[in-house]
Amino acid sequence: MQEQQRRGADAPDAPLVSILIPVFNQEPYVEEAIGSAQAQTYPNIEILVHDDGSTDRTVGIVERLAEGDPRIRLTQTASNQGVAHARNLLIDRSRGAYICWLDGDDLMARDKVAAQCAFLAANPTVVAVATAFRPIDAAGRPLSQGQSLGPRDDEGRVFIPPYATVTILYRRAALLRAYPLRPLKHGSDFDLVLRVAQAGEIAEIPDTLYIHRYHEGQMSMRGASGHMIAVASNIYRACGLADIVDDTAIDEPRLLRRILSDRPLLFSAIAKAENGVPTDRHHGRFALVLVLLHTVRRIGTMGERLAVVSGCLRRAPLALIQVLCFWLKRRGRAPARSP
């Protein structure tokens, strides 16, 4: 620990990196998670932890770690306010030129921050950089191979964010342009990445530098729609339409109903945006079909389901096939996070 603190003191020219860690009832994992942040080879970091009303021993563990490492600073709320609120508080407190996230049950490879900072230094037009990640179970056993950033279209637009949005390291200025996170349940991280991507390129390091843990204590995304509303919001913006998401109040059923009723407008707007783009690169159509099928599964009547499938077959048949294949591939992976 003293060696890491000395490295920070000996590297005054290295831009400060803020590692932001929102936690809630992560007693079994939080010490290992923070330890992976402390072990970073990058010489100049601050580790900010916000406890969102934990009822277990999470706070005590973080306080003990902070006593031995001045880079760690803890704040807490008495009751759970949600992850978007916690992330916004952490951003408010951060001082770094670069900002990255670490979930309180995940791990970072020792050279993650160093590799991402070096990449951004060498690529000044890139606003953020992701890495591949390796899934593990509660005991740390590997689940599958690492995965990486999703596709862009020919105009550089990102319609589906990285699967592991938490791997990304941002330039502070780019992140602040998308601040604050909007309170989409299970979707604030997707929404943040998509809005940052509008400010510039999000690149990818193919190395596996983040370890993402799946366990029973996680909040399931089954039945949640926030991540798909974030994708839909991005489609509206990318097509030059007014954003459907309000920054303060999120009424998911109302937004899903709006998306369903706007499907002819959205298909026309996407077709115009992708005019001249090769069929196999119609990523906007893929994203729209994904959102529509999710939406109609959640709130649609049988008649609406038939109408949506028929519309997708007529307007985006390849995208429909791609979405069905995507779902089949995802069904065998990460059951707590499937859309």
Protein backbone atom coordinates (compact mmCIF):
# COMPACT_ATOMS: atom_id res chain seq x y z
CA MET A 1 0.00 0.00 0.00
CA GLN A 2 2.77 2.45 0.91
CA GLU A 3 4.49 1.64 -2.37
CA GLN A 4 1.34 2.58 -4.33
CA GLN A 5 1.00 5.85 -2.40
CA ARG A 6 4.66 6.68 -3.10
CA ARG A 7 4.10 6.06 -6.81
CA GLY A 8 1.32 8.68 -6.74
CA ALA A 9 3.58 11.19 -5.00
CA ASP A 10 6.39 10.52 -7.48
CA ALA A 11 4.20 11.07 -10.57
CA PRO A 12 2.80 14.62 -10.29
CA ASP A 13 2.40 14.92 -14.07
CA ALA A 14 0.13 11.90 -14.41
CA PRO A 15 -3.48 13.12 -14.73
CA LEU A 16 -5.64 12.19 -11.76
CA VAL A 17 -8.06 9.31 -12.35
CA SER A 18 -11.19 9.03 -10.24
CA ILE A 19 -12.33 5.44 -9.64
CA LEU A 20 -15.97 5.69 -8.57
CA ILE A 21 -17.51 2.80 -6.64
CA PRO A 22 -21.23 2.81 -5.77
CA VAL A 23 -22.03 0.09 -3.22
CA PHE A 24 -25.11 -1.40 -1.62
CA ASN A 25 -25.04 -4.49 0.60
CA GLN A 26 -21.86 -5.90 -0.93
CA GLU A 27 -20.19 -7.16 2.22
CA PRO A 28 -18.91 -10.42 0.66
CA TYR A 29 -17.15 -8.69 -2.24
CA VAL A 30 -16.41 -5.03 -1.50
CA GLU A 31 -12.99 -5.51 0.09
CA GLU A 32 -11.72 -7.47 -2.91
CA ALA A 33 -13.24 -4.91 -5.29
CA ILE A 34 -11.60 -1.94 -3.57
CA GLY A 35 -8.37 -3.93 -3.31
CA SER A 36 -8.29 -4.26 -7.08
CA ALA A 37 -8.58 -0.46 -7.34
CA GLN A 38 -5.81 0.04 -4.78
CA ALA A 39 -3.57 -2.32 -6.75
CA GLN A 40 -3.70 -0.28 -9.97
CA THR A 41 -0.29 0.29 -11.53
CA TYR A 42 -1.35 3.77 -12.67
CA PRO A 43 0.35 6.22 -10.29
CA ASN A 44 -2.30 8.86 -9.60
CA ILE A 45 -5.78 7.76 -8.53
CA GLU A 46 -8.50 8.62 -6.07
CA ILE A 47 -10.98 5.95 -4.95
CA LEU A 48 -14.39 7.37 -4.12
CA VAL A 49 -16.97 5.07 -2.55
CA HIS A 50 -20.61 5.92 -1.96
CA ASP A 51 -22.71 3.57 0.16
CA ASP A 52 -26.38 3.75 -0.82
CA GLY A 53 -27.99 2.73 2.47
CA SER A 54 -26.42 -0.69 3.08
CA THR A 55 -27.82 -2.73 5.95
CA ASP A 56 -24.90 -5.17 6.18
CA ARG A 57 -21.22 -4.59 7.11
CA THR A 58 -20.27 -2.88 3.84
CA VAL A 59 -19.68 0.54 5.44
CA GLY A 60 -17.50 -0.85 8.20
CA ILE A 61 -15.30 -2.65 5.69
CA VAL A 62 -14.85 0.48 3.57
CA GLU A 63 -14.10 2.60 6.66
CA ARG A 64 -11.39 0.16 7.73
CA LEU A 65 -9.80 0.24 4.27
CA ALA A 66 -9.96 4.04 4.18
CA GLU A 67 -8.08 4.31 7.47
CA GLY A 68 -5.07 2.70 5.81
CA ASP A 69 -5.25 4.46 2.44
CA PRO A 70 -5.92 8.21 2.10
CA ARG A 71 -6.87 7.75 -1.55
CA ILE A 72 -10.14 6.15 -0.39
CA ARG A 73 -12.99 8.50 0.54
CA LEU A 74 -16.40 7.29 1.69
CA THR A 75 -19.79 8.98 1.72
CA GLN A 76 -23.13 7.39 2.50
CA THR A 77 -26.88 7.93 2.53
CA ALA A 78 -29.18 6.61 5.25
CA SER A 79 -31.58 4.99 2.79
CA ASN A 80 -31.28 3.55 -0.69
CA GLN A 81 -31.71 6.23 -3.36
CA GLY A 82 -30.87 4.17 -6.44
CA VAL A 83 -27.72 3.66 -8.45
CA ALA A 84 -28.20 6.71 -10.72
CA HIS A 85 -28.37 8.98 -7.67
CA ALA A 86 -25.28 7.30 -6.18
CA ARG A 87 -23.31 7.69 -9.41
CA ASN A 88 -24.27 11.35 -9.69
CA LEU A 89 -23.04 12.02 -6.14
CA LEU A 90 -19.75 10.30 -6.96
CA ILE A 91 -19.28 12.38 -10.11
CA ASP A 92 -19.96 15.53 -8.06
CA ARG A 93 -17.18 14.60 -5.62
CA SER A 94 -14.65 13.48 -8.22
CA ARG A 95 -11.63 15.58 -9.17
CA GLY A 96 -10.04 13.43 -11.86
CA ALA A 97 -9.28 14.38 -15.45
CA TYR A 98 -10.42 10.83 -16.21
CA ILE A 99 -13.31 8.97 -14.57
CA CYS A 100 -14.14 5.29 -14.46
CA TRP A 101 -16.55 3.03 -12.58
CA LEU A 102 -16.05 -0.08 -10.51
CA ASP A 103 -19.04 -1.99 -9.16
CA GLY A 104 -18.63 -3.06 -5.55
CA ASP A 105 -18.74 -6.75 -6.45
CA ASP A 106 -16.44 -6.58 -9.50
CA LEU A 107 -12.67 -6.44 -10.06
CA MET A 108 -10.21 -4.49 -12.20
CA ALA A 109 -7.07 -5.93 -13.71
CA ARG A 110 -3.98 -4.22 -12.24
CA ASP A 111 -3.13 -2.40 -15.48
CA LYS A 112 -6.68 -1.43 -16.53
CA VAL A 113 -6.46 2.28 -15.68
CA ALA A 114 -2.90 2.58 -17.02
CA ALA A 115 -3.82 0.95 -20.33
CA GLN A 116 -6.90 3.11 -20.82
CA CYS A 117 -5.13 6.33 -19.89
CA ALA A 118 -2.29 5.52 -22.28
CA PHE A 119 -4.82 4.88 -25.04
CA LEU A 120 -6.60 8.19 -24.50
CA ALA A 121 -3.30 10.06 -24.35
CA ALA A 122 -2.35 8.56 -27.72
CA ASN A 123 -5.80 9.22 -29.23
CA PRO A 124 -6.83 12.77 -28.32
CA THR A 125 -10.04 12.73 -30.39
CA VAL A 126 -11.44 9.69 -28.54
CA VAL A 127 -13.70 10.70 -25.64
CA ALA A 128 -13.82 7.37 -23.79
CA VAL A 129 -12.41 3.86 -24.03
CA ALA A 130 -13.90 0.49 -23.11
CA THR A 131 -12.28 -2.87 -22.52
CA ALA A 132 -13.37 -6.46 -22.83
CA PHE A 133 -14.47 -8.16 -19.63
CA ARG A 134 -14.41 -11.62 -18.12
CA PRO A 135 -17.52 -12.91 -16.31
CA ILE A 136 -17.10 -14.85 -13.06
CA ASP A 137 -19.50 -16.39 -10.57
CA ALA A 138 -19.86 -15.63 -6.86
CA ALA A 139 -16.85 -17.80 -6.04
CA GLY A 140 -14.67 -16.25 -8.74
CA ARG A 141 -14.94 -19.12 -11.20
CA PRO A 142 -14.93 -18.10 -14.90
CA LEU A 143 -18.26 -18.28 -16.73
CA SER A 144 -17.32 -17.52 -20.35
CA GLN A 145 -14.93 -15.57 -22.54
CA GLY A 146 -14.61 -11.81 -22.32
CA GLN A 147 -16.87 -9.66 -24.48
CA SER A 148 -16.35 -6.30 -26.10
CA LEU A 149 -17.94 -3.15 -27.44
CA GLY A 150 -21.03 -3.32 -29.63
CA PRO A 151 -21.11 -2.27 -33.31
CA ARG A 152 -21.26 1.23 -34.75
CA ASP A 153 -22.92 2.15 -38.01
CA ASP A 154 -21.15 3.74 -40.97
CA GLU A 155 -21.66 7.20 -39.49
CA GLY A 156 -20.01 6.17 -36.21
CA ARG A 157 -23.29 6.10 -34.29
CA VAL A 158 -23.61 3.63 -31.43
CA PHE A 159 -27.16 2.29 -31.14
CA ILE A 160 -26.51 -0.51 -28.65
CA PRO A 161 -24.04 0.36 -25.86
CA PRO A 162 -21.28 -1.92 -24.65
CA TYR A 163 -22.60 -4.88 -22.71
CA ALA A 164 -20.30 -4.06 -19.81
CA THR A 165 -20.73 -0.29 -19.68
CA VAL A 166 -18.86 -0.29 -16.38
CA THR A 167 -15.56 -1.01 -18.17
CA ILE A 168 -15.40 2.44 -19.76
CA LEU A 169 -12.94 5.17 -18.74
CA TYR A 170 -14.12 8.66 -19.73
CA ARG A 171 -12.51 11.99 -20.30
CA ARG A 172 -14.06 14.18 -17.64
CA ALA A 173 -15.30 16.80 -20.09
CA ALA A 174 -17.11 14.19 -22.19
CA LEU A 175 -18.76 12.62 -19.17
CA LEU A 176 -19.93 15.97 -17.83
CA ARG A 177 -21.64 16.73 -21.14
CA ALA A 178 -23.94 13.76 -20.40
CA TYR A 179 -24.29 14.56 -16.68
CA PRO A 180 -26.40 13.93 -14.67
CA LEU A 181 -27.33 10.30 -15.10
CA ARG A 182 -31.06 10.04 -15.68
CA PRO A 183 -32.99 7.80 -13.24
CA LEU A 184 -33.79 4.95 -15.60
CA LYS A 185 -34.15 1.80 -13.53
CA HIS A 186 -31.59 -0.72 -14.85
CA GLY A 187 -30.76 1.66 -17.69
CA SER A 188 -28.94 4.74 -16.41
CA ASP A 189 -25.55 3.31 -17.41
CA PHE A 190 -26.76 2.45 -20.94
CA ASP A 191 -28.22 5.93 -21.26
CA LEU A 192 -25.01 7.59 -20.08
CA VAL A 193 -22.85 5.72 -22.60
CA LEU A 194 -25.19 6.49 -25.49
CA ARG A 195 -25.26 10.20 -24.66
CA VAL A 196 -21.47 10.33 -24.26
CA ALA A 197 -21.15 8.59 -27.64
CA GLN A 198 -22.93 11.55 -29.21
CA ALA A 199 -20.05 13.77 -28.06
CA GLY A 200 -17.38 11.70 -29.81
CA GLU A 201 -15.90 8.29 -30.40
CA ILE A 202 -15.91 5.59 -27.74
CA ALA A 203 -13.06 3.27 -28.65
CA GLU A 204 -12.20 -0.20 -27.44
CA ILE A 205 -9.17 -1.95 -26.03
CA PRO A 206 -9.62 -5.64 -26.88
CA ASP A 207 -7.73 -6.79 -23.78
CA THR A 208 -9.77 -8.26 -20.93
CA LEU A 209 -9.15 -5.76 -18.13
CA TYR A 210 -12.38 -5.94 -16.13
CA ILE A 211 -13.86 -8.88 -14.21
CA HIS A 212 -17.64 -8.81 -13.84
CA ARG A 213 -19.22 -10.95 -11.14
CA TYR A 214 -22.65 -12.59 -11.43
CA HIS A 215 -24.29 -13.77 -8.22
CA GLU A 216 -27.69 -14.29 -6.63
CA GLY A 217 -27.51 -11.07 -4.63
CA GLN A 218 -27.66 -8.92 -7.76
CA MET A 219 -30.84 -7.14 -8.74
CA SER A 220 -32.27 -8.94 -11.76
CA MET A 221 -32.97 -7.13 -15.02
CA ARG A 222 -35.65 -9.62 -16.01
CA GLY A 223 -38.80 -7.65 -16.71
CA ALA A 224 -36.97 -4.31 -16.53
CA SER A 225 -37.25 -1.84 -19.40
CA GLY A 226 -34.89 0.98 -18.47
CA HIS A 227 -32.07 -0.26 -20.70
CA MET A 228 -34.39 -0.54 -23.71
CA ILE A 229 -35.88 2.91 -23.02
CA ALA A 230 -32.32 4.25 -23.05
CA VAL A 231 -31.73 2.66 -26.46
CA ALA A 232 -35.06 4.03 -27.72
CA SER A 233 -34.20 7.50 -26.43
CA ASN A 234 -30.96 7.32 -28.40
CA ILE A 235 -32.81 6.26 -31.57
CA TYR A 236 -35.09 9.29 -31.31
CA ARG A 237 -32.09 11.59 -30.94
CA ALA A 238 -30.08 9.91 -33.71
CA CYS A 239 -33.00 10.37 -36.09
CA GLY A 240 -33.37 14.06 -35.24
CA LEU A 241 -36.53 13.54 -33.18
CA ALA A 242 -37.25 14.99 -29.76
CA ASP A 243 -35.95 12.92 -26.85
CA ILE A 244 -38.72 11.04 -25.05
CA VAL A 245 -36.94 10.82 -21.68
CA ASP A 246 -37.38 13.56 -19.13
CA ASP A 247 -34.34 14.20 -16.94
CA THR A 248 -36.22 13.96 -13.65
CA ALA A 249 -39.37 11.84 -13.90
CA ILE A 250 -39.40 8.41 -15.56
CA ASP A 251 -42.77 6.79 -16.21
CA GLU A 252 -41.79 3.50 -17.87
CA PRO A 253 -45.27 2.31 -18.93
CA ARG A 254 -46.02 5.69 -20.51
CA LEU A 255 -42.70 5.72 -22.37
CA LEU A 256 -43.17 2.16 -23.62
CA ARG A 257 -46.65 3.04 -24.89
CA ARG A 258 -45.19 6.10 -26.66
CA ILE A 259 -42.52 3.96 -28.35
CA LEU A 260 -45.13 1.48 -29.52
CA SER A 261 -47.39 4.17 -30.97
CA ASP A 262 -44.45 5.89 -32.71
CA ARG A 263 -43.21 2.78 -34.52
CA PRO A 264 -44.20 3.93 -38.07
CA LEU A 265 -42.43 7.26 -37.48
CA LEU A 266 -39.36 5.49 -36.08
CA PHE A 267 -39.12 3.01 -38.95
CA SER A 268 -39.33 5.87 -41.46
CA ALA A 269 -36.74 7.92 -39.59
CA ILE A 270 -34.32 5.00 -39.32
CA ALA A 271 -34.74 4.14 -43.01
CA LYS A 272 -33.91 7.74 -43.90
CA ALA A 273 -30.90 7.80 -41.55
CA GLU A 274 -29.53 4.56 -43.01
CA ASN A 275 -30.28 5.33 -46.64
CA GLY A 276 -27.39 4.03 -48.72
CA VAL A 277 -25.91 1.99 -45.88
CA PRO A 278 -25.27 -1.71 -46.74
CA THR A 279 -28.01 -3.99 -45.41
CA ASP A 280 -25.61 -5.92 -43.17
CA ARG A 281 -24.72 -2.67 -41.39
CA HIS A 282 -28.25 -1.54 -40.53
CA HIS A 283 -27.46 -1.27 -36.82
CA GLY A 284 -30.19 1.32 -36.29
CA ARG A 285 -32.81 -1.05 -37.62
CA PHE A 286 -31.45 -3.79 -35.36
CA ALA A 287 -31.70 -1.52 -32.33
CA LEU A 288 -35.23 -0.41 -33.24
CA VAL A 289 -36.46 -3.97 -33.78
CA LEU A 290 -34.87 -5.00 -30.47
CA VAL A 291 -36.65 -2.16 -28.66
CA LEU A 292 -40.01 -2.81 -30.35
CA LEU A 293 -39.99 -6.53 -29.62
CA HIS A 294 -39.02 -5.89 -26.01
CA THR A 295 -41.73 -3.25 -25.67
CA VAL A 296 -44.53 -5.29 -27.18
CA ARG A 297 -43.58 -8.26 -25.01
CA ARG A 298 -43.93 -6.04 -21.94
CA ILE A 299 -47.12 -4.11 -22.62
CA GLY A 300 -48.55 -5.14 -25.99
CA THR A 301 -51.85 -6.85 -26.68
CA MET A 302 -51.91 -9.93 -28.90
CA GLY A 303 -53.02 -7.73 -31.80
CA GLU A 304 -50.15 -5.31 -31.20
CA ARG A 305 -47.68 -8.17 -31.03
CA LEU A 306 -48.82 -9.47 -34.39
CA ALA A 307 -48.72 -5.95 -35.85
CA VAL A 308 -45.18 -5.33 -34.59
CA VAL A 309 -43.83 -8.63 -35.90
CA SER A 310 -45.57 -8.05 -39.24
CA GLY A 311 -44.13 -4.54 -39.44
CA CYS A 312 -40.63 -5.78 -38.65
CA LEU A 313 -40.92 -8.49 -41.31
CA ARG A 314 -41.99 -5.92 -43.88
CA ARG A 315 -39.62 -3.06 -42.99
CA ALA A 316 -36.56 -4.77 -41.46
CA PRO A 317 -36.59 -8.55 -42.07
CA LEU A 318 -32.84 -9.02 -41.66
CA ALA A 319 -32.86 -7.03 -38.41
CA LEU A 320 -35.69 -9.23 -37.10
CA ILE A 321 -33.64 -12.35 -37.77
CA GLN A 322 -30.58 -10.75 -36.18
CA VAL A 323 -32.53 -9.84 -33.04
CA LEU A 324 -33.92 -13.35 -32.68
CA CYS A 325 -30.41 -14.79 -33.05
CA PHE A 326 -29.13 -12.23 -30.55
CA TRP A 327 -31.72 -13.32 -27.99
CA LEU A 328 -30.92 -16.99 -28.50
CA LYS A 329 -27.21 -16.35 -27.95
CA ARG A 330 -27.89 -14.24 -24.87
CA ARG A 331 -30.24 -16.78 -23.32
CA GLY A 332 -27.32 -18.97 -22.33
CA ARG A 333 -25.30 -16.11 -20.83
CA ALA A 334 -25.64 -13.94 -17.72
CA PRO A 335 -29.24 -14.72 -16.77
CA ALA A 336 -29.38 -11.78 -14.31
CA ARG A 337 -28.70 -9.27 -17.09
CA SER A 338 -30.60 -10.46 -20.15
CA PRO A 339 -32.78 -7.87 -21.95
